[in-house]
């Protein structure tokens, strides 16, 4: 394992200007993108730096955050790339929130409330004219008040076009129509509200079951099969949903979303209501 990339002095100074003296904790550093938790005397911030292959993607995410309601960001450049500073979100990810459920001893009411909160966060993003494009179990944080979305590098709106670098998001949660668009060579790949809702349902399914929604084994698709072949099979509807049902009541509305045609999927706000009514 290589050394963690140094935090840009410019980003450190920006963080200090917001919250006083800080203590930095290294969080992640991969594929040209590094994140630190900056704990100060009056606030806690996240610092993200993009360098090399991650520079353009990080710059794009900073620009997205700057335009979204409910987000605050300070953006800058340094010798090796770009950085941004934004408030640290305290709380478990959706994946971590569901850990007790996966272990068989969780609070089902809390999990359902968290599911609805995540759906509302997606619904609010859609209402603001944006599509996330990369929803997955680690990309929602559940604070004391609501859920907030992370990793918005691939988000787009009519006023902020999609990135030509985007390849459709994580393959296991890509909607069939989006998989077909990616494999057709269509660029830029345009995610939709409908494909976001598919990924949202798939995310919650994964958090409940601990496995991706599609049953690759049943379709004869082994772990050595690459993303392109997987997308082609998803686009053709050749992979069934997994039969594991540790929580049938909660999985029922998710199953309906994952099986529906794009035009028949509910909106994120409607899925929130369906989960709340269980």
Protein backbone atom coordinates (compact mmCIF):
# COMPACT_ATOMS: atom_id res chain seq x y z
CA UNK A 1 0.00 0.00 0.00
CA UNK A 2 1.41 3.41 -1.00
CA UNK A 3 1.65 6.52 1.10
CA UNK A 4 -1.46 8.64 1.61
CA UNK A 5 -1.25 11.72 -0.59
CA UNK A 6 -0.50 14.95 1.34
CA UNK A 7 -3.45 17.22 2.05
CA UNK A 8 -3.11 20.46 0.04
CA UNK A 9 -1.98 23.40 2.17
CA UNK A 10 -4.54 25.58 0.44
CA UNK A 11 -7.36 23.26 1.53
CA UNK A 12 -6.03 23.11 5.09
CA UNK A 13 -5.94 26.90 5.26
CA UNK A 14 -9.49 27.11 3.91
CA UNK A 15 -10.65 24.65 6.57
CA UNK A 16 -8.88 26.59 9.33
CA UNK A 17 -10.58 29.78 8.17
CA UNK A 18 -13.93 28.09 8.72
CA UNK A 19 -13.42 26.15 11.95
CA UNK A 20 -10.14 27.22 13.57
CA UNK A 21 -7.24 24.84 14.29
CA UNK A 22 -7.90 21.39 12.86
CA UNK A 23 -6.86 17.80 13.28
CA UNK A 24 -6.73 15.81 10.04
CA UNK A 25 -7.77 12.16 9.82
CA UNK A 26 -7.09 10.19 6.64
CA UNK A 27 -10.24 8.55 5.25
CA UNK A 28 -9.66 7.25 1.72
CA UNK A 29 -7.13 7.68 -1.06
CA UNK A 30 -7.77 5.84 -4.31
CA UNK A 31 -7.98 6.43 -8.04
CA UNK A 32 -6.69 9.97 -7.77
CA UNK A 33 -9.08 11.11 -5.04
CA UNK A 34 -8.24 11.56 -1.36
CA UNK A 35 -10.54 12.48 1.54
CA UNK A 36 -9.72 13.73 5.03
CA UNK A 37 -11.87 14.50 8.06
CA UNK A 38 -10.89 17.90 9.44
CA UNK A 39 -11.96 18.25 13.06
CA UNK A 40 -11.90 21.83 14.32
CA UNK A 41 -12.92 23.71 17.42
CA UNK A 42 -16.23 24.94 16.02
CA UNK A 43 -16.99 22.57 13.14
CA UNK A 44 -15.97 19.37 11.39
CA UNK A 45 -15.30 19.41 7.67
CA UNK A 46 -14.53 17.03 4.84
CA UNK A 47 -11.59 17.87 2.58
CA UNK A 48 -11.37 16.18 -0.78
CA UNK A 49 -8.46 16.49 -3.21
CA UNK A 50 -8.39 15.28 -6.79
CA UNK A 51 -5.12 14.63 -8.59
CA UNK A 52 -4.11 12.76 -11.72
CA UNK A 53 -7.01 10.70 -13.03
CA UNK A 54 -9.27 12.02 -10.26
CA UNK A 55 -8.70 15.72 -10.89
CA UNK A 56 -11.44 16.34 -13.44
CA UNK A 57 -13.98 14.20 -11.57
CA UNK A 58 -13.30 15.96 -8.26
CA UNK A 59 -13.52 19.37 -9.92
CA UNK A 60 -16.86 18.36 -11.37
CA UNK A 61 -18.19 17.23 -8.00
CA UNK A 62 -17.17 20.52 -6.41
CA UNK A 63 -19.02 22.37 -9.14
CA UNK A 64 -22.13 20.24 -8.59
CA UNK A 65 -22.10 20.83 -4.83
CA UNK A 66 -21.78 24.55 -5.43
CA UNK A 67 -25.06 24.52 -7.37
CA UNK A 68 -27.14 22.18 -5.21
CA UNK A 69 -29.52 23.52 -2.56
CA UNK A 70 -28.65 22.35 0.94
CA UNK A 71 -24.92 21.92 0.27
CA UNK A 72 -22.03 24.26 1.12
CA UNK A 73 -18.62 24.02 -0.52
CA UNK A 74 -15.37 25.94 -0.92
CA UNK A 75 -13.39 24.98 -4.02
CA UNK A 76 -9.81 25.68 -5.07
CA UNK A 77 -6.79 24.49 -7.01
CA UNK A 78 -3.26 23.52 -5.98
CA UNK A 79 -0.12 22.46 -7.80
CA UNK A 80 -1.19 18.82 -8.20
CA UNK A 81 -4.90 19.24 -8.85
CA UNK A 82 -8.10 20.49 -7.24
CA UNK A 83 -9.65 20.42 -3.76
CA UNK A 84 -12.86 21.26 -2.02
CA UNK A 85 -14.00 21.68 1.58
CA UNK A 86 -17.56 20.91 2.71
CA UNK A 87 -19.25 20.18 6.05
CA UNK A 88 -18.64 16.68 7.40
CA UNK A 89 -21.81 14.59 7.53
CA UNK A 90 -22.11 12.75 10.83
CA UNK A 91 -24.04 9.50 10.80
CA UNK A 92 -24.02 5.99 9.34
CA UNK A 93 -24.19 5.24 5.66
CA UNK A 94 -27.30 3.41 4.48
CA UNK A 95 -25.21 0.23 4.33
CA UNK A 96 -24.12 0.64 7.94
CA UNK A 97 -27.62 1.63 9.08
CA UNK A 98 -28.88 -1.76 7.88
CA UNK A 99 -26.07 -3.82 9.42
CA UNK A 100 -28.22 -4.95 12.39
CA UNK A 101 -30.98 -5.93 9.96
CA UNK A 102 -28.56 -8.11 8.01
CA UNK A 103 -27.46 -9.72 11.28
CA UNK A 104 -31.06 -10.51 12.18
CA UNK A 105 -31.41 -8.32 15.25
CA UNK A 106 -32.12 -4.84 13.90
CA UNK A 107 -34.79 -2.24 14.55
CA UNK A 108 -37.08 -2.64 11.55
CA UNK A 109 -38.93 0.63 12.22
CA UNK A 110 -35.64 2.56 12.22
CA UNK A 111 -34.52 0.86 9.02
CA UNK A 112 -37.80 1.70 7.28
CA UNK A 113 -37.55 5.31 8.45
CA UNK A 114 -34.00 5.46 7.11
CA UNK A 115 -35.15 3.99 3.80
CA UNK A 116 -37.83 6.65 3.50
CA UNK A 117 -35.32 9.37 4.38
CA UNK A 118 -32.99 8.19 1.62
CA UNK A 119 -35.88 8.14 -0.86
CA UNK A 120 -36.80 11.70 0.13
CA UNK A 121 -33.22 12.87 -0.33
CA UNK A 122 -33.31 11.48 -3.86
CA UNK A 123 -36.76 12.98 -4.43
CA UNK A 124 -35.50 16.41 -3.34
CA UNK A 125 -32.56 16.13 -5.73
CA UNK A 126 -34.95 15.27 -8.56
CA UNK A 127 -37.30 18.11 -7.63
CA UNK A 128 -34.35 20.50 -7.89
CA UNK A 129 -33.83 19.33 -11.49
CA UNK A 130 -30.88 16.99 -10.88
CA UNK A 131 -30.20 13.29 -11.37
CA UNK A 132 -27.59 11.59 -9.16
CA UNK A 133 -26.44 8.86 -11.52
CA UNK A 134 -24.43 6.79 -9.04
CA UNK A 135 -26.67 5.79 -6.13
CA UNK A 136 -25.29 2.91 -4.07
CA UNK A 137 -25.23 1.72 -0.43
CA UNK A 138 -22.37 3.97 0.70
CA UNK A 139 -23.63 7.13 -1.00
CA UNK A 140 -26.25 8.12 1.58
CA UNK A 141 -25.48 9.38 5.08
CA UNK A 142 -28.17 9.34 7.77
CA UNK A 143 -27.76 12.33 10.08
CA UNK A 144 -29.85 13.09 13.14
CA UNK A 145 -32.29 15.02 10.94
CA UNK A 146 -32.42 13.46 7.48
CA UNK A 147 -30.42 11.67 4.81
CA UNK A 148 -27.84 13.42 2.64
CA UNK A 149 -26.39 12.19 -0.63
CA UNK A 150 -22.67 11.78 -1.28
CA UNK A 151 -20.46 11.21 -4.32
CA UNK A 152 -22.24 13.54 -6.69
CA UNK A 153 -19.46 13.57 -9.30
CA UNK A 154 -21.78 12.22 -12.00
CA UNK A 155 -24.88 14.25 -11.16
CA UNK A 156 -26.29 16.38 -13.96
CA UNK A 157 -29.12 18.75 -14.76
CA UNK A 158 -30.38 20.53 -17.86
CA UNK A 159 -28.08 23.43 -16.92
CA UNK A 160 -25.10 21.18 -16.11
CA UNK A 161 -24.63 18.50 -18.80
CA UNK A 162 -23.53 14.95 -18.00
CA UNK A 163 -19.83 14.10 -18.11
CA UNK A 164 -18.46 12.29 -21.18
CA UNK A 165 -16.35 10.23 -18.76
CA UNK A 166 -19.38 8.63 -17.12
CA UNK A 167 -19.87 4.92 -17.89
CA UNK A 168 -23.25 4.30 -16.26
CA UNK A 169 -22.36 3.86 -12.61
CA UNK A 170 -21.87 0.64 -10.67
CA UNK A 171 -22.86 -2.24 -12.96
CA UNK A 172 -24.79 -4.19 -10.31
CA UNK A 173 -27.29 -1.34 -9.88
CA UNK A 174 -27.62 -0.11 -13.46
CA UNK A 175 -31.15 -0.03 -14.86
CA UNK A 176 -31.74 -2.17 -17.99
CA UNK A 177 -32.43 0.82 -20.24
CA UNK A 178 -29.30 2.57 -18.98
CA UNK A 179 -27.23 -0.58 -19.51
CA UNK A 180 -28.52 -0.69 -23.09
CA UNK A 181 -27.56 2.96 -23.66
CA UNK A 182 -24.04 2.39 -22.34
CA UNK A 183 -23.51 -0.69 -24.49
CA UNK A 184 -24.87 1.04 -27.59
CA UNK A 185 -21.98 3.50 -27.38
CA UNK A 186 -24.26 6.45 -26.68
CA UNK A 187 -22.23 9.31 -25.21
CA UNK A 188 -22.61 11.13 -23.00
CA UNK A 189 -24.54 8.60 -20.96
CA UNK A 190 -27.66 10.33 -19.65
CA UNK A 191 -29.02 8.88 -16.45
CA UNK A 192 -32.66 9.60 -15.71
CA UNK A 193 -35.01 9.95 -12.78
CA UNK A 194 -36.26 6.47 -13.65
CA UNK A 195 -32.77 4.93 -13.65
CA UNK A 196 -32.04 6.69 -10.35
CA UNK A 197 -35.15 5.10 -8.81
CA UNK A 198 -34.03 1.68 -10.06
CA UNK A 199 -30.62 2.19 -8.41
CA UNK A 200 -32.33 3.49 -5.28
CA UNK A 201 -34.46 0.34 -4.98
CA UNK A 202 -31.41 -1.81 -5.74
CA UNK A 203 -29.42 0.01 -3.08
CA UNK A 204 -32.06 -0.66 -0.42
CA UNK A 205 -32.39 -4.29 -1.54
CA UNK A 206 -28.62 -4.71 -1.20
CA UNK A 207 -28.62 -3.11 2.25
CA UNK A 208 -31.33 -5.52 3.41
CA UNK A 209 -29.93 -8.72 1.92
CA UNK A 210 -26.19 -8.08 1.89
CA UNK A 211 -26.02 -9.04 -1.81
CA UNK A 212 -26.68 -7.39 -5.16
CA UNK A 213 -30.26 -7.70 -6.43
CA UNK A 214 -29.54 -9.76 -9.54
CA UNK A 215 -28.86 -13.50 -9.37
CA UNK A 216 -25.83 -13.87 -11.61
CA UNK A 217 -25.39 -17.55 -10.72
CA UNK A 218 -28.90 -18.35 -11.95
CA UNK A 219 -28.03 -16.69 -15.26
CA UNK A 220 -24.72 -18.54 -15.54
CA UNK A 221 -22.71 -15.34 -15.19
CA UNK A 222 -19.58 -15.98 -13.15
CA UNK A 223 -17.32 -13.51 -11.32
CA UNK A 224 -14.88 -13.49 -14.22
CA UNK A 225 -17.46 -11.89 -16.56
CA UNK A 226 -16.59 -8.26 -17.21
CA UNK A 227 -18.81 -5.17 -16.82
CA UNK A 228 -19.66 -4.92 -20.51
CA UNK A 229 -20.99 -8.48 -20.71
CA UNK A 230 -22.91 -7.97 -17.47
CA UNK A 231 -24.50 -4.78 -18.82
CA UNK A 232 -25.46 -6.57 -22.03
CA UNK A 233 -27.20 -9.30 -20.03
CA UNK A 234 -28.93 -6.72 -17.82
CA UNK A 235 -30.10 -4.79 -20.88
CA UNK A 236 -31.56 -8.01 -22.33
CA UNK A 237 -33.39 -8.84 -19.10
CA UNK A 238 -31.47 -12.09 -18.92
CA UNK A 239 -30.69 -12.00 -15.18
CA UNK A 240 -33.47 -12.72 -12.64
CA UNK A 241 -33.77 -11.07 -9.26
CA UNK A 242 -32.23 -13.02 -6.42
CA UNK A 243 -34.71 -15.14 -4.48
CA UNK A 244 -33.26 -14.33 -1.02
CA UNK A 245 -36.00 -12.73 1.09
CA UNK A 246 -34.79 -12.04 4.63
CA UNK A 247 -37.38 -9.23 4.90
CA UNK A 248 -40.20 -9.99 2.42
CA UNK A 249 -42.42 -7.10 3.49
CA UNK A 250 -39.80 -4.44 2.81
CA UNK A 251 -38.49 -6.18 -0.29
CA UNK A 252 -41.91 -6.36 -1.97
CA UNK A 253 -42.07 -2.69 -3.08
CA UNK A 254 -38.40 -2.82 -4.04
CA UNK A 255 -38.97 -5.94 -6.13
CA UNK A 256 -41.82 -4.17 -7.93
CA UNK A 257 -39.51 -1.28 -8.83
CA UNK A 258 -36.71 -3.55 -10.01
CA UNK A 259 -39.09 -5.53 -12.24
CA UNK A 260 -40.98 -2.57 -13.68
CA UNK A 261 -40.36 -0.94 -17.04
CA UNK A 262 -38.75 2.47 -16.77
CA UNK A 263 -41.99 4.30 -17.50
CA UNK A 264 -43.85 2.30 -14.85
CA UNK A 265 -41.50 2.93 -11.95
CA UNK A 266 -42.72 5.13 -9.12
CA UNK A 267 -41.01 8.40 -8.25
CA UNK A 268 -38.63 8.39 -5.29
CA UNK A 269 -41.19 10.25 -3.16
CA UNK A 270 -43.80 7.59 -3.95
CA UNK A 271 -41.39 4.84 -2.94
CA UNK A 272 -40.80 6.69 0.35
CA UNK A 273 -44.53 6.63 1.06
CA UNK A 274 -44.80 2.93 0.16
CA UNK A 275 -42.02 2.06 2.60
CA UNK A 276 -43.45 4.24 5.35
CA UNK A 277 -46.82 2.50 5.07
CA UNK A 278 -45.39 -0.97 5.74
